[in-house]
């Protein structure tokens, strides 16, 4: 199966049903966006993350964080309005 780019805005974020269960990840790696967020949330700096995962780039980490933020902009619950 091939990688699917999820957004023109974030070309380094891809998904592949055959890799990580289709979770969004960094292109050409098995490093998920959620893993990067966990590293950042636990106090990891970009520099330390790059030391531990040399396949990453600063741009990939930035795109992962921004991609996740964009996903959270969508409403979680649709509000029914009366017309």
Protein backbone atom coordinates (compact mmCIF):
# COMPACT_ATOMS: atom_id res chain seq x y z
CA UNK A 1 0.00 0.00 0.00
CA UNK A 2 1.11 3.53 -0.69
CA UNK A 3 1.38 6.50 1.61
CA UNK A 4 -1.42 9.02 1.33
CA UNK A 5 -0.55 12.66 1.88
CA UNK A 6 -3.25 13.98 4.19
CA UNK A 7 -2.95 17.68 3.39
CA UNK A 8 -1.23 19.91 0.87
CA UNK A 9 -0.39 22.18 3.79
CA UNK A 10 1.55 19.40 5.57
CA UNK A 11 3.38 17.34 2.92
CA UNK A 12 5.43 15.44 5.50
CA UNK A 13 2.34 14.00 7.20
CA UNK A 14 1.08 10.82 5.57
CA UNK A 15 -1.01 7.78 6.40
CA UNK A 16 -0.85 4.22 5.15
CA UNK A 17 -3.37 1.53 6.18
CA UNK A 18 -0.50 -0.96 6.26
CA UNK A 19 1.62 1.10 8.65
CA UNK A 20 0.70 1.92 12.25
CA UNK A 21 -2.92 1.05 11.57
CA UNK A 22 -3.30 4.04 9.28
CA UNK A 23 -2.35 6.62 11.92
CA UNK A 24 -0.89 9.88 10.62
CA UNK A 25 2.89 9.67 10.68
CA UNK A 26 6.00 11.34 9.32
CA UNK A 27 6.70 10.48 5.70
CA UNK A 28 9.23 7.65 5.22
CA UNK A 29 9.18 6.74 8.93
CA UNK A 30 7.13 4.76 11.42
CA UNK A 31 6.99 7.74 13.78
CA UNK A 32 3.40 8.79 14.41
CA UNK A 33 2.15 12.32 14.89
CA UNK A 34 0.72 11.24 18.25
CA UNK A 35 4.14 9.98 19.38
CA UNK A 36 5.71 13.32 18.54
CA UNK A 37 2.97 15.10 20.51
CA UNK A 38 3.60 12.82 23.49
CA UNK A 39 7.31 13.62 23.36
CA UNK A 40 6.64 17.36 23.24
CA UNK A 41 4.00 17.18 25.98
CA UNK A 42 6.36 15.31 28.29
CA UNK A 43 8.87 18.14 28.08
CA UNK A 44 10.94 17.00 25.14
CA UNK A 45 12.62 19.76 23.17
CA UNK A 46 13.01 19.66 19.42
CA UNK A 47 16.76 19.21 19.89
CA UNK A 48 16.36 16.22 22.23
CA UNK A 49 13.75 14.63 19.98
CA UNK A 50 16.11 14.97 17.00
CA UNK A 51 18.90 13.32 19.02
CA UNK A 52 16.70 10.31 19.76
CA UNK A 53 15.09 10.05 16.33
CA UNK A 54 17.62 11.12 13.69
CA UNK A 55 15.18 10.32 10.87
CA UNK A 56 13.16 13.38 11.92
CA UNK A 57 13.76 16.98 10.96
CA UNK A 58 12.72 20.17 12.74
CA UNK A 59 10.26 20.76 9.89
CA UNK A 60 8.68 17.33 10.41
CA UNK A 61 8.18 18.00 14.14
CA UNK A 62 6.65 21.39 13.38
CA UNK A 63 4.31 19.92 10.76
CA UNK A 64 3.23 17.18 13.16
CA UNK A 65 2.29 19.70 15.85
CA UNK A 66 0.49 22.02 13.43
CA UNK A 67 -1.34 19.12 11.75
CA UNK A 68 -2.62 17.94 15.11
CA UNK A 69 -3.71 21.46 16.05
CA UNK A 70 -5.68 21.77 12.81
CA UNK A 71 -7.44 18.47 13.52
CA UNK A 72 -8.66 19.88 16.84
CA UNK A 73 -10.17 22.94 15.19
CA UNK A 74 -13.10 20.89 13.87
CA UNK A 75 -16.10 20.66 16.17
CA UNK A 76 -16.22 17.45 18.19
CA UNK A 77 -20.01 17.63 18.51
CA UNK A 78 -22.40 19.04 15.99
CA UNK A 79 -24.96 21.32 17.53
CA UNK A 80 -28.50 20.86 16.24
CA UNK A 81 -30.14 24.15 15.51
CA UNK A 82 -33.87 24.69 15.19
CA UNK A 83 -35.00 26.35 12.03
